[in-house]
Amino acid sequence: MTHPKRPTLPEKLTILGSTGSIGTNTVDVINQLGGRDRFEVMALTGAGNIALLAEQARALGAKLAVTSEDDNYDALKDALAGTDIKVASGRSGLQEAADMDADWVMAAIAGTPGLEPTLAAARRGANIALANKECLVSAGDVFIRTVSQGGGKIIPVDSEHSAIFQCLEPANKANVERIVLTASGGPFRAHSREEMAGVTADTARAHPNWSMGLKVSIGSASMFNKALEMIEAKYLFDLCPDQIEVIIHPQSIIHSMVAYTDGSVIAQLGCPDMRTAIAYALTYPARGEIDVERLDFTRLARLDFEAPDEIRFPALRLARTALERGGAQGAVLSAADETAFHAFVAGKIGFLDMADIVETVMDRMNNGHAAETVEDVLAVDAQARAYANDAISKRQTAA
């Protein structure tokens, strides 16, 4: 992966998804790194949290504020009355935000809705600080091709991929033996399948180490989050499936590692705080100074590692299946996972049912066809969601 040059300060920045977990931490990092003296914020986008979106836009002096929900346009307009901040909404508003002349775009809109605006920003050559998983999991070939054609770069924001990016020596890319993605194991690391069958969304969202949004927290508990990261890694670092390893590391101190053919293993360590990876993306190739907890080696009693149990956590097996099958299986897995997640949170299915539904949909859509365009990706996504909802309905009827 080539390294982008930093533009002259103040840098122009857009945050797609500024009111979510990644977005709010990005705003905090911006303020710590110098705020408006260092960054010219072109656009901020959010959804229903209008008060927070307006507060962020005022504080950062954004040129444009966008709510993805058209019904919230008037509320956002009123909240920003008396300012010079332009207001927009819906799909066209997100497109306008992506088209703003920002050097860097933080892609933090969760799920498939983040795909189109992030692709639009990449198409015009913006550098992408990537936190949206679907850009690579669902549309890997399309997204990588679009970034390459636009001339921009990708800096990963997920802590695991940021760690690999920091450990990967460009001159020795051909000598990478494997990468090792670490996983905390989530709140159910030591649970039996019988114990996991009865867990609720409230217990599943309680991550032992990280403070994250609901989708990522439950994805960590089921390890579907790690499954998606396996697919992301394939595209980010141009790897073969057998070069991608997952290991359980409960302390979340080592964020990931790169193993080389000479037996060397380079790891990136730090206290679990997503602001570190965000700051790295926003200041790369330099490093900024931010107020996060420092790692104290004298207080580390131990660092534990164990192999993941793919019987209790079948998401990892499904990710390998998707990687081996190729085609649009990543998009199928992602869409089915998100649909099953919503059903679990709504109490329609159990915790273990999520993996069963994803596997059912993957097998049903295993036709080997690739998604060549964003329209193809969205079509596959819609079909997978329909099949997942069908599987959910059948499961409810049977129960």
Protein backbone atom coordinates (compact mmCIF):
# COMPACT_ATOMS: atom_id res chain seq x y z
CA MET A 1 0.00 0.00 0.00
CA THR A 2 1.52 3.34 -1.04
CA HIS A 3 1.66 6.25 1.34
CA PRO A 4 -0.19 9.53 0.65
CA LYS A 5 1.47 12.87 1.23
CA ARG A 6 -0.24 15.13 3.74
CA PRO A 7 -1.68 18.31 2.21
CA THR A 8 -0.76 21.75 3.48
CA LEU A 9 -2.50 22.69 6.72
CA PRO A 10 -5.26 23.44 7.47
CA GLU A 11 -6.47 20.20 5.97
CA LYS A 12 -9.93 19.92 4.49
CA LEU A 13 -11.91 17.14 6.14
CA THR A 14 -15.39 15.63 5.80
CA ILE A 15 -16.92 13.20 8.30
CA LEU A 16 -19.54 10.86 6.88
CA GLY A 17 -21.34 9.68 10.02
CA SER A 18 -20.19 12.25 12.59
CA THR A 19 -22.82 11.43 15.25
CA GLY A 20 -22.02 7.72 15.62
CA SER A 21 -19.34 6.12 17.79
CA ILE A 22 -16.50 6.56 15.28
CA GLY A 23 -17.76 10.00 14.30
CA THR A 24 -17.94 11.42 17.82
CA ASN A 25 -14.48 10.06 18.60
CA THR A 26 -13.22 11.65 15.37
CA VAL A 27 -14.59 15.01 16.50
CA ASP A 28 -12.80 14.57 19.82
CA VAL A 29 -9.53 13.76 18.03
CA ILE A 30 -9.93 16.78 15.73
CA ASN A 31 -10.33 19.04 18.76
CA GLN A 32 -7.29 17.50 20.46
CA LEU A 33 -5.17 17.91 17.34
CA GLY A 34 -5.91 21.62 17.01
CA GLY A 35 -9.53 21.89 15.97
CA ARG A 36 -10.36 24.61 13.49
CA ASP A 37 -6.76 25.84 13.44
CA ARG A 38 -5.67 22.55 11.90
CA PHE A 39 -8.74 21.23 10.10
CA GLU A 40 -11.20 22.94 7.80
CA VAL A 41 -14.33 20.85 8.15
CA MET A 42 -16.19 20.79 4.86
CA ALA A 43 -19.17 18.59 5.73
CA LEU A 44 -20.66 16.56 8.56
CA THR A 45 -23.41 14.00 8.14
CA GLY A 46 -25.66 12.21 10.62
CA ALA A 47 -29.10 10.69 10.84
CA GLY A 48 -31.60 11.30 13.65
CA ASN A 49 -29.46 12.94 16.32
CA ILE A 50 -30.08 16.45 15.05
CA ALA A 51 -29.07 18.25 18.24
CA LEU A 52 -25.63 16.63 18.25
CA LEU A 53 -25.13 17.12 14.50
CA ALA A 54 -25.96 20.83 14.80
CA GLU A 55 -23.71 21.19 17.85
CA GLN A 56 -20.80 19.57 15.98
CA ALA A 57 -21.37 21.70 12.89
CA ARG A 58 -21.37 24.92 14.91
CA ALA A 59 -18.31 23.96 16.97
CA LEU A 60 -16.23 22.90 13.96
CA GLY A 61 -17.49 25.57 11.58
CA ALA A 62 -18.64 23.06 8.99
CA LYS A 63 -19.60 24.34 5.56
CA LEU A 64 -22.39 21.75 5.18
CA ALA A 65 -24.48 19.66 7.58
CA VAL A 66 -26.50 16.73 6.25
CA THR A 67 -29.10 14.49 7.82
CA SER A 68 -29.62 11.27 5.90
CA GLU A 69 -33.31 11.37 6.91
CA ASP A 70 -35.36 13.76 4.78
CA ASP A 71 -37.96 14.08 7.55
CA ASN A 72 -35.31 15.73 9.75
CA TYR A 73 -34.37 18.45 7.26
CA ASP A 74 -36.54 21.15 8.86
CA ALA A 75 -35.32 20.29 12.36
CA LEU A 76 -31.69 20.58 11.24
CA LYS A 77 -32.44 23.81 9.40
CA ASP A 78 -33.97 25.28 12.54
CA ALA A 79 -31.10 24.05 14.73
CA LEU A 80 -28.59 25.86 12.49
CA ALA A 81 -30.63 29.01 11.98
CA GLY A 82 -28.50 32.15 12.20
CA THR A 83 -25.36 30.42 10.89
CA ASP A 84 -23.80 30.27 7.43
CA ILE A 85 -23.87 26.47 7.52
CA LYS A 86 -25.68 24.99 4.56
CA VAL A 87 -28.19 22.22 5.29
CA ALA A 88 -29.14 19.24 3.12
CA SER A 89 -30.78 15.85 3.58
CA GLY A 90 -31.32 12.39 2.15
CA ARG A 91 -29.40 10.60 -0.53
CA SER A 92 -28.73 13.78 -2.51
CA GLY A 93 -27.42 15.46 0.62
CA LEU A 94 -24.99 12.64 1.29
CA GLN A 95 -23.83 12.86 -2.31
CA GLU A 96 -23.27 16.61 -1.89
CA ALA A 97 -21.22 16.00 1.25
CA ALA A 98 -19.09 13.38 -0.54
CA ASP A 99 -18.49 15.79 -3.41
CA MET A 100 -17.18 18.58 -1.17
CA ASP A 101 -13.54 19.42 -1.79
CA ALA A 102 -12.11 17.58 1.22
CA ASP A 103 -8.59 16.17 1.23
CA TRP A 104 -9.66 13.44 3.65
CA VAL A 105 -13.02 11.77 4.19
CA MET A 106 -13.76 9.83 7.36
CA ALA A 107 -16.07 7.04 6.14
CA ALA A 108 -17.99 6.22 9.31
CA ILE A 109 -21.57 5.69 8.12
CA ALA A 110 -22.48 2.21 9.30
CA GLY A 111 -23.79 -0.42 6.92
CA THR A 112 -24.66 -0.34 3.23
CA PRO A 113 -25.94 3.29 3.37
CA GLY A 114 -22.29 4.32 3.69
CA LEU A 115 -21.27 2.64 0.46
CA GLU A 116 -22.48 5.14 -2.15
CA PRO A 117 -21.18 8.37 -0.52
CA THR A 118 -17.83 6.76 0.26
CA LEU A 119 -17.50 5.55 -3.32
CA ALA A 120 -18.40 9.06 -4.53
CA ALA A 121 -15.63 10.57 -2.41
CA ALA A 122 -13.15 7.96 -3.65
CA ARG A 123 -14.19 8.59 -7.24
CA ARG A 124 -13.13 12.25 -7.05
CA GLY A 125 -9.76 11.29 -5.54
CA ALA A 126 -10.25 11.90 -1.83
CA ASN A 127 -8.12 9.98 0.64
CA ILE A 128 -10.39 7.71 2.68
CA ALA A 129 -10.04 7.08 6.41
CA LEU A 130 -12.04 3.87 6.28
CA ALA A 131 -14.27 2.76 9.15
CA ASN A 132 -17.18 1.47 7.05
CA LYS A 133 -16.83 -2.30 6.65
CA GLU A 134 -19.29 -2.74 3.78
CA CYS A 135 -17.07 -0.81 1.37
CA LEU A 136 -14.68 -3.77 1.34
CA VAL A 137 -16.76 -6.70 2.58
CA SER A 138 -19.65 -6.08 0.16
CA ALA A 139 -17.92 -4.17 -2.62
CA GLY A 140 -14.23 -4.99 -2.29
CA ASP A 141 -13.32 -5.20 -5.98
CA VAL A 142 -15.50 -2.22 -6.88
CA PHE A 143 -14.16 -0.09 -4.04
CA ILE A 144 -10.47 -0.88 -4.56
CA ARG A 145 -10.84 -0.19 -8.29
CA THR A 146 -12.62 3.12 -7.63
CA VAL A 147 -9.96 4.31 -5.17
CA SER A 148 -7.20 3.37 -7.60
CA GLN A 149 -8.85 5.14 -10.53
CA GLY A 150 -9.54 8.25 -8.41
CA GLY A 151 -5.93 8.47 -7.26
CA GLY A 152 -6.69 8.57 -3.54
CA LYS A 153 -5.51 6.30 -0.75
CA ILE A 154 -7.09 4.23 2.01
CA ILE A 155 -5.98 4.44 5.63
CA PRO A 156 -7.85 1.88 7.76
CA VAL A 157 -9.47 3.04 11.00
CA ASP A 158 -10.47 -0.29 12.54
CA SER A 159 -7.93 -0.90 15.30
CA GLU A 160 -6.94 -4.30 13.87
CA HIS A 161 -6.39 -3.09 10.33
CA SER A 162 -4.69 0.07 11.54
CA ALA A 163 -2.31 -2.16 13.50
CA ILE A 164 -1.52 -4.25 10.44
CA PHE A 165 -1.03 -1.12 8.34
CA GLN A 166 1.46 0.15 10.93
CA CYS A 167 3.33 -3.18 11.06
CA LEU A 168 3.36 -3.85 7.32
CA GLU A 169 6.68 -2.90 5.76
CA PRO A 170 6.01 -1.85 2.14
CA ALA A 171 9.47 -2.96 1.02
CA ASN A 172 8.82 -6.43 2.43
CA LYS A 173 5.25 -6.99 1.26
CA ALA A 174 6.37 -10.05 -0.72
CA ASN A 175 7.84 -11.53 2.46
CA VAL A 176 4.63 -11.45 4.49
CA GLU A 177 3.86 -14.99 5.65
CA ARG A 178 0.57 -14.18 7.35
CA ILE A 179 -1.28 -11.51 9.27
CA VAL A 180 -2.80 -12.21 12.67
CA LEU A 181 -6.03 -10.44 13.60
CA THR A 182 -6.54 -10.41 17.34
CA ALA A 183 -10.00 -10.70 18.91
CA SER A 184 -10.99 -10.21 22.53
CA GLY A 185 -13.46 -13.07 22.33
CA GLY A 186 -16.22 -10.76 23.55
CA PRO A 187 -18.40 -11.29 26.62
CA PHE A 188 -19.13 -14.95 25.80
CA ARG A 189 -15.58 -16.16 25.20
CA ALA A 190 -15.88 -18.86 27.86
CA HIS A 191 -19.60 -19.61 27.40
CA SER A 192 -20.85 -22.94 26.09
CA ARG A 193 -23.24 -23.03 23.15
CA GLU A 194 -26.01 -23.93 25.56
CA GLU A 195 -25.28 -20.81 27.63
CA MET A 196 -25.10 -18.61 24.52
CA ALA A 197 -28.47 -19.87 23.29
CA GLY A 198 -30.24 -17.86 25.99
CA VAL A 199 -28.34 -14.57 25.92
CA THR A 200 -30.12 -11.29 25.16
CA ALA A 201 -29.12 -8.20 23.19
CA ASP A 202 -28.45 -6.35 26.47
CA THR A 203 -25.90 -8.94 27.63
CA ALA A 204 -24.40 -9.29 24.15
CA ARG A 205 -23.72 -5.56 23.84
CA ALA A 206 -21.53 -5.41 26.97
CA HIS A 207 -18.03 -5.59 25.48
CA PRO A 208 -15.34 -6.26 28.12
CA ASN A 209 -12.69 -3.90 26.71
CA TRP A 210 -13.96 -1.52 24.04
CA SER A 211 -16.66 1.16 24.02
CA MET A 212 -18.47 0.72 20.69
CA GLY A 213 -21.85 1.05 19.01
CA LEU A 214 -24.57 -1.62 19.33
CA LYS A 215 -23.90 -3.33 15.98
CA VAL A 216 -20.16 -3.65 16.53
CA SER A 217 -20.59 -4.72 20.16
CA ILE A 218 -22.96 -7.55 19.28
CA GLY A 219 -20.81 -8.38 16.27
CA SER A 220 -17.88 -8.78 18.66
CA ALA A 221 -19.94 -11.07 20.90
CA SER A 222 -20.87 -13.30 17.94
CA MET A 223 -17.46 -12.77 16.25
CA PHE A 224 -19.22 -11.69 13.06
CA ASN A 225 -17.31 -8.45 13.44
CA LYS A 226 -14.06 -10.42 13.18
CA ALA A 227 -15.46 -12.36 10.23
CA LEU A 228 -16.04 -9.10 8.38
CA GLU A 229 -12.53 -7.94 9.29
CA MET A 230 -11.08 -11.10 7.74
CA ILE A 231 -12.71 -10.22 4.43
CA GLU A 232 -11.65 -6.58 4.73
CA ALA A 233 -8.05 -7.64 5.31
CA LYS A 234 -8.03 -9.64 2.10
CA TYR A 235 -8.80 -6.51 0.08
CA LEU A 236 -6.88 -3.95 2.14
CA PHE A 237 -3.61 -5.86 2.07
CA ASP A 238 -4.02 -8.00 -1.08
CA LEU A 239 -3.79 -11.31 0.77
CA CYS A 240 -4.72 -14.90 0.07
CA PRO A 241 -7.29 -16.45 2.43
CA ASP A 242 -4.70 -18.78 3.97
CA GLN A 243 -2.58 -15.76 4.97
CA ILE A 244 -5.29 -14.48 7.33
CA GLU A 245 -5.30 -15.85 10.88
CA VAL A 246 -7.50 -14.97 13.88
CA ILE A 247 -6.38 -15.49 17.47
CA ILE A 248 -8.18 -14.75 20.73
CA HIS A 249 -6.38 -12.21 22.92
CA PRO A 250 -8.66 -11.29 25.85
CA GLN A 251 -6.68 -8.26 27.06
CA SER A 252 -6.95 -6.39 23.70
CA ILE A 253 -3.45 -4.96 24.16
CA ILE A 254 -1.94 -6.39 20.96
CA HIS A 255 -4.22 -5.10 18.25
CA SER A 256 -2.85 -7.27 15.44
CA MET A 257 0.41 -8.63 14.04
CA VAL A 258 2.30 -9.28 10.83
CA ALA A 259 4.45 -12.42 10.53
CA TYR A 260 7.28 -12.48 7.98
CA THR A 261 9.02 -15.34 6.20
CA ASP A 262 12.18 -14.94 8.31
CA GLY A 263 10.25 -15.82 11.48
CA SER A 264 9.89 -12.22 12.67
CA VAL A 265 6.52 -11.09 14.02
CA ILE A 266 5.82 -7.36 14.34
CA ALA A 267 2.94 -6.35 16.61
CA GLN A 268 1.22 -3.06 17.37
CA LEU A 269 0.28 -2.55 21.03
CA GLY A 270 -1.72 0.02 22.95
CA CYS A 271 -4.55 0.51 25.39
CA PRO A 272 -7.94 -0.23 23.78
CA ASP A 273 -9.12 3.18 22.56
CA MET A 274 -10.37 3.76 19.02
CA ARG A 275 -9.11 7.34 19.11
CA THR A 276 -5.55 6.09 18.63
CA ALA A 277 -6.33 4.57 15.22
CA ILE A 278 -8.42 7.60 14.26
CA ALA A 279 -5.59 9.98 15.13
CA TYR A 280 -3.14 7.87 13.17
CA ALA A 281 -5.38 8.05 10.10
CA LEU A 282 -5.84 11.82 10.38
CA THR A 283 -2.15 12.63 10.90
CA TYR A 284 -0.48 9.93 8.78
CA PRO A 285 2.40 9.62 7.95
CA ALA A 286 3.21 11.76 11.03
CA ARG A 287 1.82 11.00 14.48
CA GLY A 288 -0.24 13.46 16.48
CA GLU A 289 -0.36 13.94 20.23
CA ILE A 290 -3.68 12.99 21.86
CA ASP A 291 -4.82 12.35 25.40
CA VAL A 292 -5.41 8.60 25.65
CA GLU A 293 -4.34 6.16 28.33
CA ARG A 294 -0.71 5.13 27.97
CA LEU A 295 0.31 1.50 28.12
CA ASP A 296 2.12 0.68 31.37
CA PHE A 297 4.06 -2.54 30.88
CA THR A 298 4.78 -2.86 34.60
CA ARG A 299 1.04 -3.27 35.24
CA LEU A 300 0.56 -6.00 32.61
CA ALA A 301 0.41 -9.20 34.58
CA ARG A 302 0.00 -11.37 31.48
CA LEU A 303 -0.99 -11.48 27.84
CA ASP A 304 -3.07 -14.52 26.92
CA PHE A 305 -3.72 -16.11 23.53
CA GLU A 306 -5.91 -18.99 22.42
CA ALA A 307 -7.24 -20.42 19.19
CA PRO A 308 -10.84 -19.46 18.37
CA ASP A 309 -13.52 -22.14 18.65
CA GLU A 310 -15.30 -22.14 15.29
CA ILE A 311 -17.99 -24.50 16.61
CA ARG A 312 -19.11 -22.01 19.25
CA PHE A 313 -18.33 -19.07 16.96
CA PRO A 314 -19.17 -20.23 13.39
CA ALA A 315 -18.87 -16.69 11.99
CA LEU A 316 -15.15 -17.25 11.39
CA ARG A 317 -15.83 -20.42 9.42
CA LEU A 318 -18.41 -18.56 7.34
CA ALA A 319 -15.89 -15.82 6.57
CA ARG A 320 -13.41 -18.42 5.30
CA THR A 321 -16.17 -19.94 3.20
CA ALA A 322 -16.93 -16.54 1.70
CA LEU A 323 -13.25 -15.94 0.95
CA GLU A 324 -12.84 -19.36 -0.67
CA ARG A 325 -16.03 -19.10 -2.75
CA GLY A 326 -15.34 -15.55 -3.88
CA GLY A 327 -17.87 -13.86 -6.13
CA ALA A 328 -20.43 -11.82 -4.19
CA GLN A 329 -20.36 -14.01 -1.08
CA GLY A 330 -18.93 -11.19 1.03
CA ALA A 331 -21.89 -8.99 0.17
CA VAL A 332 -24.26 -11.86 0.93
CA LEU A 333 -22.64 -12.53 4.32
CA SER A 334 -22.69 -8.85 5.27
CA ALA A 335 -26.34 -8.26 4.30
CA ALA A 336 -27.58 -11.46 5.93
CA ASP A 337 -25.59 -10.70 9.08
CA GLU A 338 -27.05 -7.20 9.38
CA THR A 339 -30.59 -8.49 8.84
CA ALA A 340 -30.13 -11.25 11.41
CA PHE A 341 -28.63 -8.72 13.85
CA HIS A 342 -31.75 -6.53 13.67
CA ALA A 343 -33.96 -9.58 14.17
CA PHE A 344 -31.94 -10.60 17.24
CA VAL A 345 -32.12 -7.11 18.75
CA ALA A 346 -35.89 -7.11 18.15
CA GLY A 347 -36.21 -10.42 19.97
CA LYS A 348 -37.37 -12.34 16.88
CA ILE A 349 -34.52 -14.86 16.92
CA GLY A 350 -31.92 -16.14 19.35
CA PHE A 351 -28.23 -15.33 19.51
CA LEU A 352 -27.14 -18.57 17.86
CA ASP A 353 -29.78 -18.25 15.15
CA MET A 354 -27.85 -15.39 13.55
CA ALA A 355 -25.08 -17.62 12.19
CA ASP A 356 -27.57 -20.26 11.02
CA ILE A 357 -29.49 -17.66 9.02
CA VAL A 358 -26.32 -16.24 7.46
CA GLU A 359 -25.18 -19.70 6.41
CA THR A 360 -28.59 -20.51 4.95
CA VAL A 361 -28.53 -17.36 2.82
CA MET A 362 -24.90 -17.87 1.73
CA ASP A 363 -25.69 -21.40 0.54
CA ARG A 364 -28.81 -20.21 -1.24
CA MET A 365 -26.89 -17.50 -3.11
CA ASN A 366 -23.73 -19.47 -3.90
CA ASN A 367 -23.77 -18.95 -7.66
CA GLY A 368 -20.18 -17.78 -8.11
CA HIS A 369 -21.25 -14.48 -9.68
CA ALA A 370 -19.14 -11.43 -8.85
CA ALA A 371 -20.49 -7.93 -8.21
CA GLU A 372 -18.87 -5.78 -10.89
CA THR A 373 -20.65 -2.49 -10.19
CA VAL A 374 -22.18 -0.72 -7.20
CA GLU A 375 -25.58 -1.51 -8.70
CA ASP A 376 -24.66 -5.20 -8.65
CA VAL A 377 -23.62 -4.91 -5.01
CA LEU A 378 -26.87 -3.23 -4.01
CA ALA A 379 -28.89 -5.85 -5.90
CA VAL A 380 -27.07 -8.70 -4.14
CA ASP A 381 -27.50 -6.90 -0.83
CA ALA A 382 -31.26 -6.53 -1.35
CA GLN A 383 -31.69 -10.16 -2.40
CA ALA A 384 -29.69 -11.44 0.58
CA ARG A 385 -31.79 -9.35 2.97
CA ALA A 386 -34.97 -10.73 1.42
CA TYR A 387 -33.75 -14.31 1.79
CA ALA A 388 -32.63 -13.61 5.37
CA ASN A 389 -36.03 -12.20 6.28
CA ASP A 390 -37.63 -15.27 4.72
CA ALA A 391 -35.43 -17.53 6.84
CA ILE A 392 -36.26 -15.49 9.95
CA SER A 393 -40.01 -15.77 9.26
CA LYS A 394 -39.75 -19.53 8.79
CA ARG A 395 -37.83 -19.86 12.05
CA GLN A 396 -40.47 -17.85 13.91
CA THR A 397 -43.27 -19.93 12.43
CA ALA A 398 -41.52 -23.16 13.39
CA ALA A 399 -41.03 -21.89 16.94
